[in-house]
Amino acid sequence: MSGDAGADAALRWGVPDWRDAAAYPGSATTLVEWWWQFTRRHPDYRALWLDAAPRQAAFVEENKPQLVEMAHLTKVPVDWYLERQRDTPPLDKGLRARFRINFILNPTKSFASDDLLPYFQNDSVYEISLPSSRSFTASIEDMSGRALISFNLKKPLDRQLKDAKWLLEGQRQWLGLPKVVRRPRTASWALFLRALDARELAEATFGEMTAGFWPGQGKPEQAARDTYERACELRNYFPL
């Protein structure tokens, strides 16, 4: 893809030109904000938005009087409220666990943590109790990679913690999730975002990406390929 076409694609999805490293998120970015940056670059998520956005815009237009009244009742700016309604089509319940969110937030926009947190998906699918202790229950969100465990503080914690670790390790393996680093290192994540934008929007070759990421360093094309693959893995299994 030509440079102009790649720039147009980046502009359409609200992301920087992949060649401009300074335009990408920095060290002050929160984990939730990193999650959004990777999620909004997921091709399946973008497809959901392209499908839902026209219907949501029509819904807002058809129900504008009621929505304006709701804005007045809740004492928020009307224009802001209408835009937020357009930007948040409902997400089918079967897909909420996959993307960990209840609405299809507009992927052309960067949202701050305070704007993202209210939309997180936290519905439990089922509960299980370990017969060995019956001290706590665990609510597992099917295929989402999230689990909530309720401990009984009136009983010894050692056995409960041991059982919880056993349960969570088994659940992680059953879901086929890679082992997650306890404290994610975000130093390379901006580069990962650049790799996603370069490869998927600008359709840059790995040679072009290598030259853009590490100019004059003589790195092989495989370095860019590895970076892109790691970016895809992080996008698909974000540690949040």
C-alpha atoms as a PDB file:
ATOM      1  CA  MET A   1       0.000   0.000   0.000  1.00  0.00           C
ATOM      2  CA  SER A   2       1.266   3.484  -0.804  1.00  0.00           C
ATOM      3  CA  GLY A   3       2.254   5.883   1.941  1.00  0.00           C
ATOM      4  CA  ASP A   4      -0.757   8.066   1.243  1.00  0.00           C
ATOM      5  CA  ALA A   5      -3.152   5.108   1.325  1.00  0.00           C
ATOM      6  CA  GLY A   6      -1.634   3.905   4.589  1.00  0.00           C
ATOM      7  CA  ALA A   7      -1.950   7.381   6.078  1.00  0.00           C
ATOM      8  CA  ASP A   8      -5.595   7.511   5.012  1.00  0.00           C
ATOM      9  CA  ALA A   9      -6.267   4.158   6.684  1.00  0.00           C
ATOM     10  CA  ALA A  10      -4.571   5.344   9.874  1.00  0.00           C
ATOM     11  CA  LEU A  11      -6.616   8.538   9.840  1.00  0.00           C
ATOM     12  CA  ARG A  12      -9.825   6.578   9.306  1.00  0.00           C
ATOM     13  CA  TRP A  13      -9.174   4.489  12.416  1.00  0.00           C
ATOM     14  CA  GLY A  14      -7.798   7.349  14.507  1.00  0.00           C
ATOM     15  CA  VAL A  15      -4.273   5.972  14.947  1.00  0.00           C
ATOM     16  CA  PRO A  16      -0.939   7.682  14.259  1.00  0.00           C
ATOM     17  CA  ASP A  17       1.315   7.197  11.259  1.00  0.00           C
ATOM     18  CA  TRP A  18       3.326   4.130  12.278  1.00  0.00           C
ATOM     19  CA  ARG A  19       6.563   5.881  11.296  1.00  0.00           C
ATOM     20  CA  ASP A  20       6.022   8.564  13.963  1.00  0.00           C
ATOM     21  CA  ALA A  21       7.161   6.891  17.183  1.00  0.00           C
ATOM     22  CA  ALA A  22       6.569  10.031  19.273  1.00  0.00           C
ATOM     23  CA  ALA A  23       2.835   9.963  18.446  1.00  0.00           C
ATOM     24  CA  TYR A  24       2.253   6.681  20.282  1.00  0.00           C
ATOM     25  CA  PRO A  25       1.332   6.178  23.979  1.00  0.00           C
ATOM     26  CA  GLY A  26       4.075   6.709  26.529  1.00  0.00           C
ATOM     27  CA  SER A  27       5.067   5.622  30.018  1.00  0.00           C
ATOM     28  CA  ALA A  28       2.132   7.394  31.696  1.00  0.00           C
ATOM     29  CA  THR A  29      -0.390   5.152  29.932  1.00  0.00           C
ATOM     30  CA  THR A  30      -2.444   3.021  32.344  1.00  0.00           C
ATOM     31  CA  LEU A  31      -2.946  -0.718  31.896  1.00  0.00           C
ATOM     32  CA  VAL A  32      -6.608  -0.160  31.022  1.00  0.00           C
ATOM     33  CA  GLU A  33      -5.623   2.393  28.388  1.00  0.00           C
ATOM     34  CA  TRP A  34      -3.093  -0.053  26.927  1.00  0.00           C
ATOM     35  CA  TRP A  35      -5.836  -2.671  26.806  1.00  0.00           C
ATOM     36  CA  TRP A  36      -8.025  -0.294  24.814  1.00  0.00           C
ATOM     37  CA  GLN A  37      -5.244   0.594  22.389  1.00  0.00           C
ATOM     38  CA  PHE A  38      -4.767  -3.088  21.537  1.00  0.00           C
ATOM     39  CA  THR A  39      -8.472  -3.970  21.544  1.00  0.00           C
ATOM     40  CA  ARG A  40      -9.441  -1.153  19.185  1.00  0.00           C
ATOM     41  CA  ARG A  41      -6.873  -2.484  16.728  1.00  0.00           C
ATOM     42  CA  HIS A  42      -8.402  -5.963  16.649  1.00  0.00           C
ATOM     43  CA  PRO A  43      -9.825  -6.676  13.172  1.00  0.00           C
ATOM     44  CA  ASP A  44     -12.826  -8.546  14.585  1.00  0.00           C
ATOM     45  CA  TYR A  45     -13.612  -5.663  16.934  1.00  0.00           C
ATOM     46  CA  ARG A  46     -13.382  -3.158  14.090  1.00  0.00           C
ATOM     47  CA  ALA A  47     -15.715  -5.326  12.033  1.00  0.00           C
ATOM     48  CA  LEU A  48     -18.260  -5.299  14.862  1.00  0.00           C
ATOM     49  CA  TRP A  49     -18.104  -1.504  14.959  1.00  0.00           C
ATOM     50  CA  LEU A  50     -18.537  -1.130  11.188  1.00  0.00           C
ATOM     51  CA  ASP A  51     -21.600  -3.362  11.368  1.00  0.00           C
ATOM     52  CA  ALA A  52     -23.188  -1.766  14.434  1.00  0.00           C
ATOM     53  CA  ALA A  53     -22.363   1.939  14.042  1.00  0.00           C
ATOM     54  CA  PRO A  54     -24.899   2.755  11.272  1.00  0.00           C
ATOM     55  CA  ARG A  55     -27.717   1.059  13.196  1.00  0.00           C
ATOM     56  CA  GLN A  56     -26.757   2.872  16.397  1.00  0.00           C
ATOM     57  CA  ALA A  57     -26.634   6.229  14.601  1.00  0.00           C
ATOM     58  CA  ALA A  58     -30.124   5.570  13.200  1.00  0.00           C
ATOM     59  CA  PHE A  59     -31.356   4.597  16.667  1.00  0.00           C
ATOM     60  CA  VAL A  60     -30.041   7.833  18.168  1.00  0.00           C
ATOM     61  CA  GLU A  61     -31.664   9.898  15.427  1.00  0.00           C
ATOM     62  CA  GLU A  62     -35.031   8.123  15.781  1.00  0.00           C
ATOM     63  CA  ASN A  63     -35.022   8.493  19.562  1.00  0.00           C
ATOM     64  CA  LYS A  64     -33.408  11.907  19.774  1.00  0.00           C
ATOM     65  CA  PRO A  65     -36.257  13.634  21.709  1.00  0.00           C
ATOM     66  CA  GLN A  66     -36.178  10.997  24.442  1.00  0.00           C
ATOM     67  CA  LEU A  67     -32.391  11.041  24.601  1.00  0.00           C
ATOM     68  CA  VAL A  68     -32.322  14.820  24.848  1.00  0.00           C
ATOM     69  CA  GLU A  69     -34.805  14.606  27.705  1.00  0.00           C
ATOM     70  CA  MET A  70     -32.601  12.019  29.416  1.00  0.00           C
ATOM     71  CA  ALA A  71     -29.609  14.331  29.060  1.00  0.00           C
ATOM     72  CA  HIS A  72     -31.540  17.118  30.740  1.00  0.00           C
ATOM     73  CA  LEU A  73     -32.679  14.790  33.536  1.00  0.00           C
ATOM     74  CA  THR A  74     -29.140  13.599  34.212  1.00  0.00           C
ATOM     75  CA  LYS A  75     -27.765  17.142  33.863  1.00  0.00           C
ATOM     76  CA  VAL A  76     -25.142  16.367  31.227  1.00  0.00           C
ATOM     77  CA  PRO A  77     -24.482  18.317  27.992  1.00  0.00           C
ATOM     78  CA  VAL A  78     -26.878  17.219  25.272  1.00  0.00           C
ATOM     79  CA  ASP A  79     -24.263  17.065  22.503  1.00  0.00           C
ATOM     80  CA  TRP A  80     -21.919  15.027  24.679  1.00  0.00           C
ATOM     81  CA  TYR A  81     -24.703  12.605  25.630  1.00  0.00           C
ATOM     82  CA  LEU A  82     -25.826  12.070  22.035  1.00  0.00           C
ATOM     83  CA  GLU A  83     -22.265  11.508  20.880  1.00  0.00           C
ATOM     84  CA  ARG A  84     -21.681   9.002  23.677  1.00  0.00           C
ATOM     85  CA  GLN A  85     -24.841   7.152  22.633  1.00  0.00           C
ATOM     86  CA  ARG A  86     -23.584   6.976  19.042  1.00  0.00           C
ATOM     87  CA  ASP A  87     -20.192   5.766  20.250  1.00  0.00           C
ATOM     88  CA  THR A  88     -21.528   2.862  22.347  1.00  0.00           C
ATOM     89  CA  PRO A  89     -23.681   0.379  20.422  1.00  0.00           C
ATOM     90  CA  PRO A  90     -24.676  -2.587  22.612  1.00  0.00           C
ATOM     91  CA  LEU A  91     -22.561  -5.712  22.233  1.00  0.00           C
ATOM     92  CA  ASP A  92     -24.144  -9.144  21.894  1.00  0.00           C
ATOM     93  CA  LYS A  93     -23.862 -11.026  25.182  1.00  0.00           C
ATOM     94  CA  GLY A  94     -22.097 -13.920  23.506  1.00  0.00           C
ATOM     95  CA  LEU A  95     -19.224 -11.599  22.536  1.00  0.00           C
ATOM     96  CA  ARG A  96     -18.911  -9.663  25.778  1.00  0.00           C
ATOM     97  CA  ALA A  97     -16.636 -12.215  27.420  1.00  0.00           C
ATOM     98  CA  ARG A  98     -14.272 -12.212  24.465  1.00  0.00           C
ATOM     99  CA  PHE A  99     -13.722  -8.458  24.463  1.00  0.00           C
ATOM    100  CA  ARG A 100     -14.445  -7.904  28.209  1.00  0.00           C
ATOM    101  CA  ILE A 101     -16.812  -5.043  27.509  1.00  0.00           C
ATOM    102  CA  ASN A 102     -20.583  -4.537  27.379  1.00  0.00           C
ATOM    103  CA  PHE A 103     -20.684  -2.059  24.501  1.00  0.00           C
ATOM    104  CA  ILE A 104     -18.850  -1.609  21.211  1.00  0.00           C
ATOM    105  CA  LEU A 105     -16.882   1.506  22.049  1.00  0.00           C
ATOM    106  CA  ASN A 106     -15.894   3.556  19.011  1.00  0.00           C
ATOM    107  CA  PRO A 107     -12.489   2.134  17.962  1.00  0.00           C
ATOM    108  CA  THR A 108     -11.560   5.319  16.103  1.00  0.00           C
ATOM    109  CA  LYS A 109     -11.133   7.112  19.429  1.00  0.00           C
ATOM    110  CA  SER A 110      -8.666   6.931  22.298  1.00  0.00           C
ATOM    111  CA  PHE A 111     -10.431   6.772  25.658  1.00  0.00           C
ATOM    112  CA  ALA A 112      -8.928   7.484  29.085  1.00  0.00           C
ATOM    113  CA  SER A 113      -9.254   5.055  31.991  1.00  0.00           C
ATOM    114  CA  ASP A 114     -12.153   6.933  33.588  1.00  0.00           C
ATOM    115  CA  ASP A 115     -14.130   6.662  30.355  1.00  0.00           C
ATOM    116  CA  LEU A 116     -13.357   2.963  29.868  1.00  0.00           C
ATOM    117  CA  LEU A 117     -14.002   1.472  33.305  1.00  0.00           C
ATOM    118  CA  PRO A 118     -17.824   1.887  33.329  1.00  0.00           C
ATOM    119  CA  TYR A 119     -18.101  -0.279  30.221  1.00  0.00           C
ATOM    120  CA  PHE A 120     -16.161  -3.312  31.400  1.00  0.00           C
ATOM    121  CA  GLN A 121     -17.929  -6.659  31.210  1.00  0.00           C
ATOM    122  CA  ASN A 122     -18.195  -8.437  34.553  1.00  0.00           C
ATOM    123  CA  ASP A 123     -21.116 -10.867  34.204  1.00  0.00           C
ATOM    124  CA  SER A 124     -20.500 -14.263  35.800  1.00  0.00           C
ATOM    125  CA  VAL A 125     -21.455 -17.331  33.804  1.00  0.00           C
ATOM    126  CA  TYR A 126     -21.423 -19.981  36.482  1.00  0.00           C
ATOM    127  CA  GLU A 127     -20.173 -20.735  39.973  1.00  0.00           C
ATOM    128  CA  ILE A 128     -18.246 -23.726  41.242  1.00  0.00           C
ATOM    129  CA  SER A 129     -17.299 -24.867  44.736  1.00  0.00           C
ATOM    130  CA  LEU A 130     -14.304 -27.056  45.527  1.00  0.00           C
ATOM    131  CA  PRO A 131     -15.506 -30.148  47.412  1.00  0.00           C
ATOM    132  CA  SER A 132     -12.212 -30.412  49.280  1.00  0.00           C
ATOM    133  CA  SER A 133     -12.833 -27.341  51.430  1.00  0.00           C
ATOM    134  CA  ARG A 134     -16.196 -25.811  50.506  1.00  0.00           C
ATOM    135  CA  SER A 135     -14.683 -22.620  51.840  1.00  0.00           C
ATOM    136  CA  PHE A 136     -15.119 -20.439  48.785  1.00  0.00           C
ATOM    137  CA  THR A 137     -16.780 -20.267  45.411  1.00  0.00           C
ATOM    138  CA  ALA A 138     -15.326 -19.131  42.096  1.00  0.00           C
ATOM    139  CA  SER A 139     -17.302 -17.340  39.418  1.00  0.00           C
ATOM    140  CA  ILE A 140     -15.827 -18.170  36.023  1.00  0.00           C
ATOM    141  CA  GLU A 141     -16.539 -15.995  32.988  1.00  0.00           C
ATOM    142  CA  ASP A 142     -16.650 -18.493  30.129  1.00  0.00           C
ATOM    143  CA  MET A 143     -13.719 -18.078  27.690  1.00  0.00           C
ATOM    144  CA  SER A 144     -12.946 -14.548  28.878  1.00  0.00           C
ATOM    145  CA  GLY A 145      -9.849 -15.371  30.873  1.00  0.00           C
ATOM    146  CA  ARG A 146     -11.306 -13.814  34.043  1.00  0.00           C
ATOM    147  CA  ALA A 147     -12.338 -15.388  37.341  1.00  0.00           C
ATOM    148  CA  LEU A 148     -13.763 -14.062  40.613  1.00  0.00           C
ATOM    149  CA  ILE A 149     -13.170 -16.011  43.807  1.00  0.00           C
ATOM    150  CA  SER A 150     -15.056 -15.436  47.040  1.00  0.00           C
ATOM    151  CA  PHE A 151     -13.103 -16.539  50.126  1.00  0.00           C
ATOM    152  CA  ASN A 152     -14.568 -17.441  53.512  1.00  0.00           C
ATOM    153  CA  LEU A 153     -12.686 -15.256  56.007  1.00  0.00           C
ATOM    154  CA  LYS A 154     -14.098 -17.242  58.942  1.00  0.00           C
ATOM    155  CA  LYS A 155     -12.094 -20.309  57.899  1.00  0.00           C
ATOM    156  CA  PRO A 156      -8.324 -20.896  57.521  1.00  0.00           C
ATOM    157  CA  LEU A 157      -6.929 -19.211  54.438  1.00  0.00           C
ATOM    158  CA  ASP A 158      -3.986 -21.501  53.692  1.00  0.00           C
ATOM    159  CA  ARG A 159      -6.119 -24.292  52.223  1.00  0.00           C
ATOM    160  CA  GLN A 160      -8.348 -21.850  50.394  1.00  0.00           C
ATOM    161  CA  LEU A 161      -5.371 -20.125  48.753  1.00  0.00           C
ATOM    162  CA  LYS A 162      -3.889 -23.475  47.749  1.00  0.00           C
ATOM    163  CA  ASP A 163      -7.192 -24.595  46.236  1.00  0.00           C
ATOM    164  CA  ALA A 164      -7.611 -21.251  44.477  1.00  0.00           C
ATOM    165  CA  LYS A 165      -4.188 -21.529  42.819  1.00  0.00           C
ATOM    166  CA  TRP A 166      -4.948 -25.082  41.701  1.00  0.00           C
ATOM    167  CA  LEU A 167      -8.312 -24.018  40.297  1.00  0.00           C
ATOM    168  CA  LEU A 168      -7.009 -20.970  38.443  1.00  0.00           C
ATOM    169  CA  GLU A 169      -4.044 -22.805  36.922  1.00  0.00           C
ATOM    170  CA  GLY A 170      -6.364 -25.535  35.674  1.00  0.00           C
ATOM    171  CA  GLN A 171      -8.815 -23.022  34.257  1.00  0.00           C
ATOM    172  CA  ARG A 172      -6.032 -21.134  32.477  1.00  0.00           C
ATOM    173  CA  GLN A 173      -4.737 -24.336  30.870  1.00  0.00           C
ATOM    174  CA  TRP A 174      -8.251 -25.418  29.871  1.00  0.00           C
ATOM    175  CA  LEU A 175      -8.778 -22.091  28.091  1.00  0.00           C
ATOM    176  CA  GLY A 176      -5.471 -22.507  26.292  1.00  0.00           C
ATOM    177  CA  LEU A 177      -4.162 -19.182  27.579  1.00  0.00           C
ATOM    178  CA  PRO A 178      -0.409 -18.510  27.622  1.00  0.00           C
ATOM    179  CA  LYS A 179       1.279 -18.040  30.973  1.00  0.00           C
ATOM    180  CA  VAL A 180       0.976 -14.383  31.941  1.00  0.00           C
ATOM    181  CA  VAL A 181       3.881 -12.406  33.338  1.00  0.00           C
ATOM    182  CA  ARG A 182       2.963 -11.237  36.828  1.00  0.00           C
ATOM    183  CA  ARG A 183       4.003  -7.651  36.179  1.00  0.00           C
ATOM    184  CA  PRO A 184       3.598  -6.789  32.517  1.00  0.00           C
ATOM    185  CA  ARG A 185       6.522  -4.899  31.040  1.00  0.00           C
ATOM    186  CA  THR A 186       5.093  -2.196  28.843  1.00  0.00           C
ATOM    187  CA  ALA A 187       8.349  -0.804  27.431  1.00  0.00           C
ATOM    188  CA  SER A 188       7.815  -2.494  24.046  1.00  0.00           C
ATOM    189  CA  TRP A 189       4.059  -1.994  23.805  1.00  0.00           C
ATOM    190  CA  ALA A 190       4.193   1.249  21.832  1.00  0.00           C
ATOM    191  CA  LEU A 191       6.414  -0.539  19.321  1.00  0.00           C
ATOM    192  CA  PHE A 192       3.871  -3.364  19.205  1.00  0.00           C
ATOM    193  CA  LEU A 193       1.125  -0.855  18.342  1.00  0.00           C
ATOM    194  CA  ARG A 194       3.315   0.567  15.602  1.00  0.00           C
ATOM    195  CA  ALA A 195       3.832  -2.948  14.247  1.00  0.00           C
ATOM    196  CA  LEU A 196       0.081  -3.597  14.117  1.00  0.00           C
ATOM    197  CA  ASP A 197      -0.569  -0.293  12.346  1.00  0.00           C
ATOM    198  CA  ALA A 198       2.311  -0.753   9.927  1.00  0.00           C
ATOM    199  CA  ARG A 199       1.388  -4.288   8.923  1.00  0.00           C
ATOM    200  CA  GLU A 200      -2.411  -4.119   8.970  1.00  0.00           C
ATOM    201  CA  LEU A 201      -3.205  -0.549   7.889  1.00  0.00           C
ATOM    202  CA  ALA A 202      -0.200   0.587   5.883  1.00  0.00           C
ATOM    203  CA  GLU A 203       0.507  -2.969   4.649  1.00  0.00           C
ATOM    204  CA  ALA A 204       4.211  -2.320   5.145  1.00  0.00           C
ATOM    205  CA  THR A 205       6.654  -5.115   4.434  1.00  0.00           C
ATOM    206  CA  PHE A 206       8.762  -6.508   7.246  1.00  0.00           C
ATOM    207  CA  GLY A 207      11.763  -4.947   5.562  1.00  0.00           C
ATOM    208  CA  GLU A 208      10.124  -1.522   5.635  1.00  0.00           C
ATOM    209  CA  MET A 209       9.132  -2.047   9.246  1.00  0.00           C
ATOM    210  CA  THR A 210      12.664  -3.041  10.236  1.00  0.00           C
ATOM    211  CA  ALA A 211      14.094   0.070   8.600  1.00  0.00           C
ATOM    212  CA  GLY A 212      11.458   2.245  10.272  1.00  0.00           C
ATOM    213  CA  PHE A 213      11.771   0.733  13.748  1.00  0.00           C
ATOM    214  CA  TRP A 214      15.569   0.430  13.933  1.00  0.00           C
ATOM    215  CA  PRO A 215      17.093   2.744  11.295  1.00  0.00           C
ATOM    216  CA  GLY A 216      20.735   2.132  10.570  1.00  0.00           C
ATOM    217  CA  GLN A 217      21.061  -0.743  13.055  1.00  0.00           C
ATOM    218  CA  GLY A 218      21.364  -3.516  10.488  1.00  0.00           C
ATOM    219  CA  LYS A 219      18.695  -5.705  12.061  1.00  0.00           C
ATOM    220  CA  PRO A 220      17.213  -8.549   9.966  1.00  0.00           C
ATOM    221  CA  GLU A 221      13.622  -8.537   8.724  1.00  0.00           C
ATOM    222  CA  GLN A 222      12.889 -11.334  11.169  1.00  0.00           C
ATOM    223  CA  ALA A 223      13.094  -8.791  13.997  1.00  0.00           C
ATOM    224  CA  ALA A 224      10.046  -6.958  12.633  1.00  0.00           C
ATOM    225  CA  ARG A 225       8.242 -10.235  11.988  1.00  0.00           C
ATOM    226  CA  ASP A 226       8.845 -11.342  15.579  1.00  0.00           C
ATOM    227  CA  THR A 227       7.682  -7.952  16.871  1.00  0.00           C
ATOM    228  CA  TYR A 228       4.452  -8.184  14.882  1.00  0.00           C
ATOM    229  CA  GLU A 229       3.761 -11.731  16.091  1.00  0.00           C
ATOM    230  CA  ARG A 230       4.314 -10.696  19.712  1.00  0.00           C
ATOM    231  CA  ALA A 231       1.979  -7.740  19.165  1.00  0.00           C
ATOM    232  CA  CYS A 232      -0.744 -10.048  17.848  1.00  0.00           C
ATOM    233  CA  GLU A 233      -0.337 -12.381  20.814  1.00  0.00           C
ATOM    234  CA  LEU A 234      -0.601  -9.502  23.284  1.00  0.00           C
ATOM    235  CA  ARG A 235      -3.672  -8.162  21.487  1.00  0.00           C
ATOM    236  CA  ASN A 236      -5.371 -11.551  21.629  1.00  0.00           C
ATOM    237  CA  TYR A 237      -4.426 -12.372  25.235  1.00  0.00           C
ATOM    238  CA  PHE A 238      -4.057  -9.055  26.978  1.00  0.00           C
ATOM    239  CA  PRO A 239      -3.076  -9.488  30.689  1.00  0.00           C
ATOM    240  CA  LEU A 240      -5.906  -7.564  32.292  1.00  0.00           C
END
